[in-house]
Amino acid sequence: MIITTLGWLWIGILVGSTAGLVWSTIYYTRKIGTLEDEIKTLRGTRNVLKDELIKLNNSPKPKPRSRRKGYKK
């Protein structure tokens, strides 16, 4: 009787650990997929914002100020 109980206990442990491993693999695979999608979206946003900054910083030089009348160096 003790041997059969221990056998069922080991079978339960093996089945439970296998099921837990499969469940955690499926769960984290989905989670990693959503995080990778978010990373791609954020990288795209970063590139668009970087291009905007480059456009804003590459403006032509401002027109120089005119000298005051009557001013001598």
PDB file of N, CA and C in Angstrom:
ATOM      1  N   MET A   1       0.818  -1.195   0.000  1.00  0.00           N
ATOM      2  CA  MET A   1       0.000   0.000   0.000  1.00  0.00           C
ATOM      3  C   MET A   1       0.861   1.257   0.000  1.00  0.00           C
ATOM      4  N   ILE A   2       1.914   1.282   0.749  1.00  0.00           N
ATOM      5  CA  ILE A   2       2.806   2.443   0.802  1.00  0.00           C
ATOM      6  C   ILE A   2       3.469   2.648  -0.566  1.00  0.00           C
ATOM      7  N   ILE A   3       3.850   1.561  -1.210  1.00  0.00           N
ATOM      8  CA  ILE A   3       4.521   1.659  -2.500  1.00  0.00           C
ATOM      9  C   ILE A   3       3.581   2.234  -3.551  1.00  0.00           C
ATOM     10  N   THR A   4       2.328   1.825  -3.565  1.00  0.00           N
ATOM     11  CA  THR A   4       1.385   2.370  -4.553  1.00  0.00           C
ATOM     12  C   THR A   4       1.122   3.849  -4.291  1.00  0.00           C
ATOM     13  N   THR A   5       1.053   4.218  -3.021  1.00  0.00           N
ATOM     14  CA  THR A   5       0.839   5.624  -2.683  1.00  0.00           C
ATOM     15  C   THR A   5       2.035   6.465  -3.140  1.00  0.00           C
ATOM     16  N   LEU A   6       3.233   5.967  -2.896  1.00  0.00           N
ATOM     17  CA  LEU A   6       4.430   6.689  -3.332  1.00  0.00           C
ATOM     18  C   LEU A   6       4.501   6.754  -4.861  1.00  0.00           C
ATOM     19  N   GLY A   7       4.066   5.685  -5.522  1.00  0.00           N
ATOM     20  CA  GLY A   7       4.037   5.679  -6.983  1.00  0.00           C
ATOM     21  C   GLY A   7       3.103   6.737  -7.522  1.00  0.00           C
ATOM     22  N   TRP A   8       1.899   6.811  -6.954  1.00  0.00           N
ATOM     23  CA  TRP A   8       0.945   7.835  -7.384  1.00  0.00           C
ATOM     24  C   TRP A   8       1.453   9.239  -7.058  1.00  0.00           C
ATOM     25  N   LEU A   9       2.141   9.360  -5.954  1.00  0.00           N
ATOM     26  CA  LEU A   9       2.709  10.656  -5.580  1.00  0.00           C
ATOM     27  C   LEU A   9       3.740  11.098  -6.625  1.00  0.00           C
ATOM     28  N   TRP A  10       4.627  10.188  -7.009  1.00  0.00           N
ATOM     29  CA  TRP A  10       5.636  10.517  -8.019  1.00  0.00           C
ATOM     30  C   TRP A  10       5.003  10.817  -9.372  1.00  0.00           C
ATOM     31  N   ILE A  11       3.999  10.066  -9.727  1.00  0.00           N
ATOM     32  CA  ILE A  11       3.301  10.333 -10.993  1.00  0.00           C
ATOM     33  C   ILE A  11       2.651  11.719 -10.954  1.00  0.00           C
ATOM     34  N   GLY A  12       2.052  12.054  -9.837  1.00  0.00           N
ATOM     35  CA  GLY A  12       1.435  13.379  -9.683  1.00  0.00           C
ATOM     36  C   GLY A  12       2.458  14.501  -9.758  1.00  0.00           C
ATOM     37  N   ILE A  13       3.603  14.283  -9.137  1.00  0.00           N
ATOM     38  CA  ILE A  13       4.662  15.301  -9.181  1.00  0.00           C
ATOM     39  C   ILE A  13       5.163  15.475 -10.607  1.00  0.00           C
ATOM     40  N   LEU A  14       5.396  14.385 -11.315  1.00  0.00           N
ATOM     41  CA  LEU A  14       5.875  14.463 -12.692  1.00  0.00           C
ATOM     42  C   LEU A  14       4.860  15.139 -13.616  1.00  0.00           C
ATOM     43  N   VAL A  15       3.600  14.761 -13.499  1.00  0.00           N
ATOM     44  CA  VAL A  15       2.561  15.357 -14.339  1.00  0.00           C
ATOM     45  C   VAL A  15       2.378  16.839 -13.998  1.00  0.00           C
ATOM     46  N   GLY A  16       2.375  17.149 -12.738  1.00  0.00           N
ATOM     47  CA  GLY A  16       2.197  18.539 -12.304  1.00  0.00           C
ATOM     48  C   GLY A  16       3.344  19.432 -12.736  1.00  0.00           C
ATOM     49  N   SER A  17       4.569  18.948 -12.586  1.00  0.00           N
ATOM     50  CA  SER A  17       5.710  19.775 -12.987  1.00  0.00           C
ATOM     51  C   SER A  17       5.749  19.950 -14.502  1.00  0.00           C
ATOM     52  N   THR A  18       5.389  18.900 -15.243  1.00  0.00           N
ATOM     53  CA  THR A  18       5.347  19.011 -16.701  1.00  0.00           C
ATOM     54  C   THR A  18       4.273  19.999 -17.135  1.00  0.00           C
ATOM     55  N   ALA A  19       3.104  19.910 -16.521  1.00  0.00           N
ATOM     56  CA  ALA A  19       2.015  20.838 -16.865  1.00  0.00           C
ATOM     57  C   ALA A  19       2.400  22.272 -16.498  1.00  0.00           C
ATOM     58  N   GLY A  20       3.044  22.468 -15.370  1.00  0.00           N
ATOM     59  CA  GLY A  20       3.482  23.800 -14.961  1.00  0.00           C
ATOM     60  C   GLY A  20       4.516  24.369 -15.906  1.00  0.00           C
ATOM     61  N   LEU A  21       5.415  23.530 -16.359  1.00  0.00           N
ATOM     62  CA  LEU A  21       6.436  23.976 -17.298  1.00  0.00           C
ATOM     63  C   LEU A  21       5.815  24.383 -18.638  1.00  0.00           C
ATOM     64  N   VAL A  22       4.889  23.588 -19.125  1.00  0.00           N
ATOM     65  CA  VAL A  22       4.210  23.900 -20.385  1.00  0.00           C
ATOM     66  C   VAL A  22       3.406  25.190 -20.246  1.00  0.00           C
ATOM     67  N   TRP A  23       2.680  25.335 -19.148  1.00  0.00           N
ATOM     68  CA  TRP A  23       1.870  26.535 -18.937  1.00  0.00           C
ATOM     69  C   TRP A  23       2.748  27.787 -18.864  1.00  0.00           C
ATOM     70  N   SER A  24       3.848  27.727 -18.112  1.00  0.00           N
ATOM     71  CA  SER A  24       4.708  28.907 -17.975  1.00  0.00           C
ATOM     72  C   SER A  24       5.377  29.254 -19.303  1.00  0.00           C
ATOM     73  N   THR A  25       5.727  28.240 -20.088  1.00  0.00           N
ATOM     74  CA  THR A  25       6.326  28.503 -21.394  1.00  0.00           C
ATOM     75  C   THR A  25       5.343  29.230 -22.303  1.00  0.00           C
ATOM     76  N   ILE A  26       4.111  28.759 -22.349  1.00  0.00           N
ATOM     77  CA  ILE A  26       3.090  29.392 -23.193  1.00  0.00           C
ATOM     78  C   ILE A  26       2.802  30.818 -22.711  1.00  0.00           C
ATOM     79  N   TYR A  27       2.680  30.999 -21.398  1.00  0.00           N
ATOM     80  CA  TYR A  27       2.368  32.312 -20.830  1.00  0.00           C
ATOM     81  C   TYR A  27       3.464  33.323 -21.143  1.00  0.00           C
ATOM     82  N   TYR A  28       4.709  32.949 -20.891  1.00  0.00           N
ATOM     83  CA  TYR A  28       5.798  33.891 -21.089  1.00  0.00           C
ATOM     84  C   TYR A  28       6.111  34.112 -22.560  1.00  0.00           C
ATOM     85  N   THR A  29       5.823  33.142 -23.417  1.00  0.00           N
ATOM     86  CA  THR A  29       5.998  33.346 -24.852  1.00  0.00           C
ATOM     87  C   THR A  29       5.050  34.428 -25.342  1.00  0.00           C
ATOM     88  N   ARG A  30       3.806  34.385 -24.883  1.00  0.00           N
ATOM     89  CA  ARG A  30       2.845  35.430 -25.258  1.00  0.00           C
ATOM     90  C   ARG A  30       3.286  36.793 -24.728  1.00  0.00           C
ATOM     91  N   LYS A  31       3.730  36.820 -23.485  1.00  0.00           N
ATOM     92  CA  LYS A  31       4.136  38.076 -22.873  1.00  0.00           C
ATOM     93  C   LYS A  31       5.346  38.665 -23.591  1.00  0.00           C
ATOM     94  N   ILE A  32       6.302  37.822 -23.947  1.00  0.00           N
ATOM     95  CA  ILE A  32       7.482  38.292 -24.660  1.00  0.00           C
ATOM     96  C   ILE A  32       7.091  38.819 -26.035  1.00  0.00           C
ATOM     97  N   GLY A  33       6.131  38.177 -26.683  1.00  0.00           N
ATOM     98  CA  GLY A  33       5.670  38.649 -27.994  1.00  0.00           C
ATOM     99  C   GLY A  33       5.060  40.036 -27.917  1.00  0.00           C
ATOM    100  N   THR A  34       4.228  40.276 -26.909  1.00  0.00           N
ATOM    101  CA  THR A  34       3.626  41.604 -26.772  1.00  0.00           C
ATOM    102  C   THR A  34       4.684  42.655 -26.439  1.00  0.00           C
ATOM    103  N   LEU A  35       5.672  42.294 -25.627  1.00  0.00           N
ATOM    104  CA  LEU A  35       6.723  43.251 -25.293  1.00  0.00           C
ATOM    105  C   LEU A  35       7.597  43.565 -26.516  1.00  0.00           C
ATOM    106  N   GLU A  36       7.856  42.578 -27.349  1.00  0.00           N
ATOM    107  CA  GLU A  36       8.630  42.829 -28.563  1.00  0.00           C
ATOM    108  C   GLU A  36       7.860  43.734 -29.522  1.00  0.00           C
ATOM    109  N   ASP A  37       6.541  43.554 -29.612  1.00  0.00           N
ATOM    110  CA  ASP A  37       5.728  44.445 -30.448  1.00  0.00           C
ATOM    111  C   ASP A  37       5.786  45.880 -29.933  1.00  0.00           C
ATOM    112  N   GLU A  38       5.738  46.027 -28.624  1.00  0.00           N
ATOM    113  CA  GLU A  38       5.804  47.363 -28.035  1.00  0.00           C
ATOM    114  C   GLU A  38       7.169  48.000 -28.293  1.00  0.00           C
ATOM    115  N   ILE A  39       8.225  47.191 -28.226  1.00  0.00           N
ATOM    116  CA  ILE A  39       9.564  47.703 -28.504  1.00  0.00           C
ATOM    117  C   ILE A  39       9.660  48.192 -29.941  1.00  0.00           C
ATOM    118  N   LYS A  40       9.101  47.446 -30.892  1.00  0.00           N
ATOM    119  CA  LYS A  40       9.124  47.863 -32.301  1.00  0.00           C
ATOM    120  C   LYS A  40       8.383  49.175 -32.490  1.00  0.00           C
ATOM    121  N   THR A  41       7.238  49.317 -31.826  1.00  0.00           N
ATOM    122  CA  THR A  41       6.453  50.549 -31.932  1.00  0.00           C
ATOM    123  C   THR A  41       7.234  51.732 -31.365  1.00  0.00           C
ATOM    124  N   LEU A  42       7.861  51.532 -30.221  1.00  0.00           N
ATOM    125  CA  LEU A  42       8.615  52.618 -29.595  1.00  0.00           C
ATOM    126  C   LEU A  42       9.852  52.990 -30.402  1.00  0.00           C
ATOM    127  N   ARG A  43      10.484  52.009 -31.029  1.00  0.00           N
ATOM    128  CA  ARG A  43      11.637  52.321 -31.882  1.00  0.00           C
ATOM    129  C   ARG A  43      11.205  53.145 -33.087  1.00  0.00           C
ATOM    130  N   GLY A  44      10.056  52.820 -33.663  1.00  0.00           N
ATOM    131  CA  GLY A  44       9.534  53.604 -34.775  1.00  0.00           C
ATOM    132  C   GLY A  44       9.234  55.027 -34.359  1.00  0.00           C
ATOM    133  N   THR A  45       8.629  55.188 -33.197  1.00  0.00           N
ATOM    134  CA  THR A  45       8.327  56.523 -32.674  1.00  0.00           C
ATOM    135  C   THR A  45       9.610  57.306 -32.433  1.00  0.00           C
ATOM    136  N   ARG A  46      10.614  56.628 -31.875  1.00  0.00           N
ATOM    137  CA  ARG A  46      11.895  57.285 -31.613  1.00  0.00           C
ATOM    138  C   ARG A  46      12.538  57.767 -32.910  1.00  0.00           C
ATOM    139  N   ASN A  47      12.486  56.946 -33.950  1.00  0.00           N
ATOM    140  CA  ASN A  47      13.082  57.338 -35.228  1.00  0.00           C
ATOM    141  C   ASN A  47      12.361  58.529 -35.844  1.00  0.00           C
ATOM    142  N   VAL A  48      11.037  58.549 -35.729  1.00  0.00           N
ATOM    143  CA  VAL A  48      10.268  59.683 -36.267  1.00  0.00           C
ATOM    144  C   VAL A  48      10.617  60.962 -35.506  1.00  0.00           C
ATOM    145  N   LEU A  49      10.696  60.871 -34.182  1.00  0.00           N
ATOM    146  CA  LEU A  49      11.039  62.056 -33.387  1.00  0.00           C
ATOM    147  C   LEU A  49      12.467  62.510 -33.651  1.00  0.00           C
ATOM    148  N   LYS A  50      13.368  61.561 -33.863  1.00  0.00           N
ATOM    149  CA  LYS A  50      14.753  61.910 -34.165  1.00  0.00           C
ATOM    150  C   LYS A  50      14.834  62.656 -35.500  1.00  0.00           C
ATOM    151  N   ASP A  51      14.069  62.197 -36.490  1.00  0.00           N
ATOM    152  CA  ASP A  51      14.040  62.884 -37.780  1.00  0.00           C
ATOM    153  C   ASP A  51      13.491  64.298 -37.641  1.00  0.00           C
ATOM    154  N   GLU A  52      12.479  64.474 -36.805  1.00  0.00           N
ATOM    155  CA  GLU A  52      11.922  65.807 -36.570  1.00  0.00           C
ATOM    156  C   GLU A  52      12.959  66.731 -35.942  1.00  0.00           C
ATOM    157  N   LEU A  53      13.720  66.211 -34.974  1.00  0.00           N
ATOM    158  CA  LEU A  53      14.754  67.030 -34.345  1.00  0.00           C
ATOM    159  C   LEU A  53      15.838  67.417 -35.342  1.00  0.00           C
ATOM    160  N   ILE A  54      16.194  66.493 -36.197  1.00  0.00           N
ATOM    161  CA  ILE A  54      17.210  66.801 -37.209  1.00  0.00           C
ATOM    162  C   ILE A  54      16.704  67.886 -38.145  1.00  0.00           C
ATOM    163  N   LYS A  55      15.424  67.820 -38.536  1.00  0.00           N
ATOM    164  CA  LYS A  55      14.848  68.845 -39.404  1.00  0.00           C
ATOM    165  C   LYS A  55      14.855  70.213 -38.724  1.00  0.00           C
ATOM    166  N   LEU A  56      14.506  70.234 -37.432  1.00  0.00           N
ATOM    167  CA  LEU A  56      14.447  71.510 -36.723  1.00  0.00           C
ATOM    168  C   LEU A  56      15.831  72.104 -36.496  1.00  0.00           C
ATOM    169  N   ASN A  57      16.829  71.277 -36.286  1.00  0.00           N
ATOM    170  CA  ASN A  57      18.176  71.780 -36.010  1.00  0.00           C
ATOM    171  C   ASN A  57      18.933  72.170 -37.271  1.00  0.00           C
ATOM    172  N   ASN A  58      18.495  71.749 -38.427  1.00  0.00           N
ATOM    173  CA  ASN A  58      19.190  72.062 -39.668  1.00  0.00           C
ATOM    174  C   ASN A  58      18.599  73.281 -40.363  1.00  0.00           C
ATOM    175  N   SER A  59      18.084  74.222 -39.605  1.00  0.00           N
ATOM    176  CA  SER A  59      17.533  75.438 -40.208  1.00  0.00           C
ATOM    177  C   SER A  59      18.699  76.341 -40.632  1.00  0.00           C
ATOM    178  N   PRO A  60      18.468  77.223 -41.625  1.00  0.00           N
ATOM    179  CA  PRO A  60      19.560  78.100 -42.075  1.00  0.00           C
ATOM    180  C   PRO A  60      19.963  79.086 -40.982  1.00  0.00           C
ATOM    181  N   LYS A  61      21.134  79.670 -41.157  1.00  0.00           N
ATOM    182  CA  LYS A  61      21.625  80.619 -40.157  1.00  0.00           C
ATOM    183  C   LYS A  61      20.730  81.856 -40.135  1.00  0.00           C
ATOM    184  N   PRO A  62      20.586  82.474 -38.983  1.00  0.00           N
ATOM    185  CA  PRO A  62      19.768  83.696 -38.931  1.00  0.00           C
ATOM    186  C   PRO A  62      20.464  84.864 -39.631  1.00  0.00           C
ATOM    187  N   LYS A  63      19.672  85.812 -40.076  1.00  0.00           N
ATOM    188  CA  LYS A  63      20.187  86.981 -40.776  1.00  0.00           C
ATOM    189  C   LYS A  63      20.938  87.859 -39.772  1.00  0.00           C
ATOM    190  N   PRO A  64      22.123  88.342 -40.116  1.00  0.00           N
ATOM    191  CA  PRO A  64      22.888  89.156 -39.161  1.00  0.00           C
ATOM    192  C   PRO A  64      22.190  90.497 -38.899  1.00  0.00           C
ATOM    193  N   ARG A  65      22.394  91.014 -37.711  1.00  0.00           N
ATOM    194  CA  ARG A  65      21.772  92.285 -37.334  1.00  0.00           C
ATOM    195  C   ARG A  65      22.483  93.448 -38.031  1.00  0.00           C
ATOM    196  N   SER A  66      21.712  94.480 -38.319  1.00  0.00           N
ATOM    197  CA  SER A  66      22.323  95.662 -38.944  1.00  0.00           C
ATOM    198  C   SER A  66      22.939  96.541 -37.863  1.00  0.00           C
ATOM    199  N   ARG A  67      23.975  97.266 -38.244  1.00  0.00           N
ATOM    200  CA  ARG A  67      24.651  98.143 -37.275  1.00  0.00           C
ATOM    201  C   ARG A  67      23.843  99.420 -37.065  1.00  0.00           C
ATOM    202  N   ARG A  68      24.020  99.994 -35.913  1.00  0.00           N
ATOM    203  CA  ARG A  68      23.342 101.256 -35.621  1.00  0.00           C
ATOM    204  C   ARG A  68      24.002 102.400 -36.378  1.00  0.00           C
ATOM    205  N   LYS A  69      23.196 103.369 -36.700  1.00  0.00           N
ATOM    206  CA  LYS A  69      23.726 104.545 -37.411  1.00  0.00           C
ATOM    207  C   LYS A  69      24.542 105.379 -36.416  1.00  0.00           C
ATOM    208  N   GLY A  70      25.647 105.861 -36.883  1.00  0.00           N
ATOM    209  CA  GLY A  70      26.475 106.724 -36.060  1.00  0.00           C
ATOM    210  C   GLY A  70      27.411 105.941 -35.147  1.00  0.00           C
ATOM    211  N   TYR A  71      27.448 104.672 -35.242  1.00  0.00           N
ATOM    212  CA  TYR A  71      28.327 103.885 -34.395  1.00  0.00           C
ATOM    213  C   TYR A  71      29.635 103.659 -35.119  1.00  0.00           C
ATOM    214  N   LYS A  72      30.740 103.984 -34.461  1.00  0.00           N
ATOM    215  CA  LYS A  72      32.052 103.786 -35.063  1.00  0.00           C
ATOM    216  C   LYS A  72      32.851 102.855 -34.161  1.00  0.00           C
ATOM    217  N   LYS A  73      33.644 102.091 -34.823  1.00  0.00           N
ATOM    218  CA  LYS A  73      34.487 101.147 -34.100  1.00  0.00           C
ATOM    219  C   LYS A  73      35.773 101.755 -33.688  1.00  0.00           C
TER     220      LYS A  73
END
